[in-house]
Amino acid sequence: MAEQAGRLDVDALLDTVTPQEFDEWVAYKKLEPDKLDRLRTIITTGLLALCNSWDCKMKPKDLDPILKDEEQAEEVTPEEAIRRMKEVY
């Protein structure tokens, strides 16, 4: 059983899928990212652009301390952030 007492056993879960199914899932997640992750990225980018336009220099790690240094999103100008948000919609 992959889940016991509210905890997920990842190894047991992986034993239920074939390597091909796992590869397909990974490929799908690259093409169709999680909607909540996408929303978080949009909101974070917009908030950082707003703060930076008020001369309050902030970085993505300031809003999400769990981010590792290598995962830290790039810094963008407010104009670039607005252009990217318009592109998404």
C-alpha atoms as a PDB file:
ATOM      1  CA  MET A   1       0.000   0.000   0.000  1.00  0.00           C
ATOM      2  CA  ALA A   2       1.420   3.364  -1.053  1.00  0.00           C
ATOM      3  CA  GLU A   3      -0.281   5.334   1.729  1.00  0.00           C
ATOM      4  CA  GLN A   4      -0.292   4.387   5.398  1.00  0.00           C
ATOM      5  CA  ALA A   5      -1.582   6.508   8.274  1.00  0.00           C
ATOM      6  CA  GLY A   6      -1.655   9.672   6.173  1.00  0.00           C
ATOM      7  CA  ARG A   7       1.928   9.268   4.910  1.00  0.00           C
ATOM      8  CA  LEU A   8       2.836   8.598   1.318  1.00  0.00           C
ATOM      9  CA  ASP A   9       5.372   5.855   0.645  1.00  0.00           C
ATOM     10  CA  VAL A  10       6.982   7.048  -2.584  1.00  0.00           C
ATOM     11  CA  ASP A  11       8.890   3.809  -3.138  1.00  0.00           C
ATOM     12  CA  ALA A  12       5.695   1.767  -2.886  1.00  0.00           C
ATOM     13  CA  LEU A  13       3.949   4.178  -5.227  1.00  0.00           C
ATOM     14  CA  LEU A  14       6.751   3.942  -7.793  1.00  0.00           C
ATOM     15  CA  ASP A  15       6.501   0.136  -7.646  1.00  0.00           C
ATOM     16  CA  THR A  16       2.949   0.443  -9.032  1.00  0.00           C
ATOM     17  CA  VAL A  17       3.999   2.160 -12.286  1.00  0.00           C
ATOM     18  CA  THR A  18       6.190   0.974 -15.122  1.00  0.00           C
ATOM     19  CA  PRO A  19       9.293   2.943 -16.112  1.00  0.00           C
ATOM     20  CA  GLN A  20       7.510   3.934 -19.335  1.00  0.00           C
ATOM     21  CA  GLU A  21       4.491   5.260 -17.409  1.00  0.00           C
ATOM     22  CA  PHE A  22       6.807   7.229 -15.127  1.00  0.00           C
ATOM     23  CA  ASP A  23       8.649   8.717 -18.132  1.00  0.00           C
ATOM     24  CA  GLU A  24       5.316   9.700 -19.688  1.00  0.00           C
ATOM     25  CA  TRP A  25       4.233  11.360 -16.435  1.00  0.00           C
ATOM     26  CA  VAL A  26       7.495  13.338 -16.232  1.00  0.00           C
ATOM     27  CA  ALA A  27       7.119  14.430 -19.871  1.00  0.00           C
ATOM     28  CA  TYR A  28       3.492  15.459 -19.235  1.00  0.00           C
ATOM     29  CA  LYS A  29       4.490  17.546 -16.184  1.00  0.00           C
ATOM     30  CA  LYS A  30       7.068  19.363 -18.323  1.00  0.00           C
ATOM     31  CA  LEU A  31       4.440  20.202 -20.953  1.00  0.00           C
ATOM     32  CA  GLU A  32       1.529  20.819 -18.576  1.00  0.00           C
ATOM     33  CA  PRO A  33       2.898  22.369 -15.389  1.00  0.00           C
ATOM     34  CA  ASP A  34       0.854  22.455 -12.210  1.00  0.00           C
ATOM     35  CA  LYS A  35      -1.666  25.297 -12.385  1.00  0.00           C
ATOM     36  CA  LEU A  36      -0.945  26.343  -8.793  1.00  0.00           C
ATOM     37  CA  ASP A  37       2.799  26.530  -9.526  1.00  0.00           C
ATOM     38  CA  ARG A  38       2.044  28.668 -12.578  1.00  0.00           C
ATOM     39  CA  LEU A  39      -0.217  30.961 -10.539  1.00  0.00           C
ATOM     40  CA  ARG A  40       2.415  31.242  -7.787  1.00  0.00           C
ATOM     41  CA  THR A  41       5.036  32.213 -10.362  1.00  0.00           C
ATOM     42  CA  ILE A  42       2.779  34.864 -11.915  1.00  0.00           C
ATOM     43  CA  ILE A  43       1.854  36.363  -8.542  1.00  0.00           C
ATOM     44  CA  THR A  44       5.459  36.290  -7.313  1.00  0.00           C
ATOM     45  CA  THR A  45       6.740  37.951 -10.494  1.00  0.00           C
ATOM     46  CA  GLY A  46       4.077  40.654 -10.309  1.00  0.00           C
ATOM     47  CA  LEU A  47       4.666  41.349  -6.619  1.00  0.00           C
ATOM     48  CA  LEU A  48       8.428  41.535  -7.104  1.00  0.00           C
ATOM     49  CA  ALA A  49       7.999  43.891 -10.060  1.00  0.00           C
ATOM     50  CA  LEU A  50       5.714  46.110  -7.981  1.00  0.00           C
ATOM     51  CA  CYS A  51       8.090  46.143  -5.003  1.00  0.00           C
ATOM     52  CA  ASN A  52      11.082  46.869  -7.223  1.00  0.00           C
ATOM     53  CA  SER A  53       9.194  49.719  -8.918  1.00  0.00           C
ATOM     54  CA  TRP A  54       8.779  51.239  -5.432  1.00  0.00           C
ATOM     55  CA  ASP A  55      12.568  50.951  -5.024  1.00  0.00           C
ATOM     56  CA  CYS A  56      12.215  48.124  -2.513  1.00  0.00           C
ATOM     57  CA  LYS A  57      14.779  45.707  -3.933  1.00  0.00           C
ATOM     58  CA  MET A  58      13.465  42.190  -3.438  1.00  0.00           C
ATOM     59  CA  LYS A  59      14.435  38.840  -4.897  1.00  0.00           C
ATOM     60  CA  PRO A  60      12.320  35.709  -5.351  1.00  0.00           C
ATOM     61  CA  LYS A  61      14.061  34.094  -2.386  1.00  0.00           C
ATOM     62  CA  ASP A  62      12.765  36.938  -0.180  1.00  0.00           C
ATOM     63  CA  LEU A  63       9.221  35.672  -0.807  1.00  0.00           C
ATOM     64  CA  ASP A  64       9.982  31.942  -0.817  1.00  0.00           C
ATOM     65  CA  PRO A  65      12.843  31.060   1.542  1.00  0.00           C
ATOM     66  CA  ILE A  66      12.586  27.384   0.561  1.00  0.00           C
ATOM     67  CA  LEU A  67      13.993  28.182  -2.885  1.00  0.00           C
ATOM     68  CA  LYS A  68      17.506  26.899  -3.323  1.00  0.00           C
ATOM     69  CA  ASP A  69      20.023  29.305  -4.753  1.00  0.00           C
ATOM     70  CA  GLU A  70      20.194  27.398  -8.051  1.00  0.00           C
ATOM     71  CA  GLU A  71      16.389  27.420  -8.353  1.00  0.00           C
ATOM     72  CA  GLN A  72      16.066  31.134  -7.751  1.00  0.00           C
ATOM     73  CA  ALA A  73      14.127  32.851 -10.488  1.00  0.00           C
ATOM     74  CA  GLU A  74      15.831  35.510 -12.502  1.00  0.00           C
ATOM     75  CA  GLU A  75      15.312  39.147 -11.615  1.00  0.00           C
ATOM     76  CA  VAL A  76      13.314  41.075 -14.186  1.00  0.00           C
ATOM     77  CA  THR A  77      12.380  44.699 -14.665  1.00  0.00           C
ATOM     78  CA  PRO A  78       8.761  45.701 -14.036  1.00  0.00           C
ATOM     79  CA  GLU A  79       8.290  46.258 -17.772  1.00  0.00           C
ATOM     80  CA  GLU A  80       9.598  42.777 -18.581  1.00  0.00           C
ATOM     81  CA  ALA A  81       7.369  41.211 -15.917  1.00  0.00           C
ATOM     82  CA  ILE A  82       4.303  42.957 -17.359  1.00  0.00           C
ATOM     83  CA  ARG A  83       5.268  41.840 -20.873  1.00  0.00           C
ATOM     84  CA  ARG A  84       5.597  38.233 -19.655  1.00  0.00           C
ATOM     85  CA  MET A  85       2.259  38.336 -17.824  1.00  0.00           C
ATOM     86  CA  LYS A  86       0.539  39.685 -20.938  1.00  0.00           C
ATOM     87  CA  GLU A  87       2.160  36.913 -22.957  1.00  0.00           C
ATOM     88  CA  VAL A  88       0.719  34.282 -20.608  1.00  0.00           C
ATOM     89  CA  TYR A  89      -2.776  35.621 -21.051  1.00  0.00           C
END
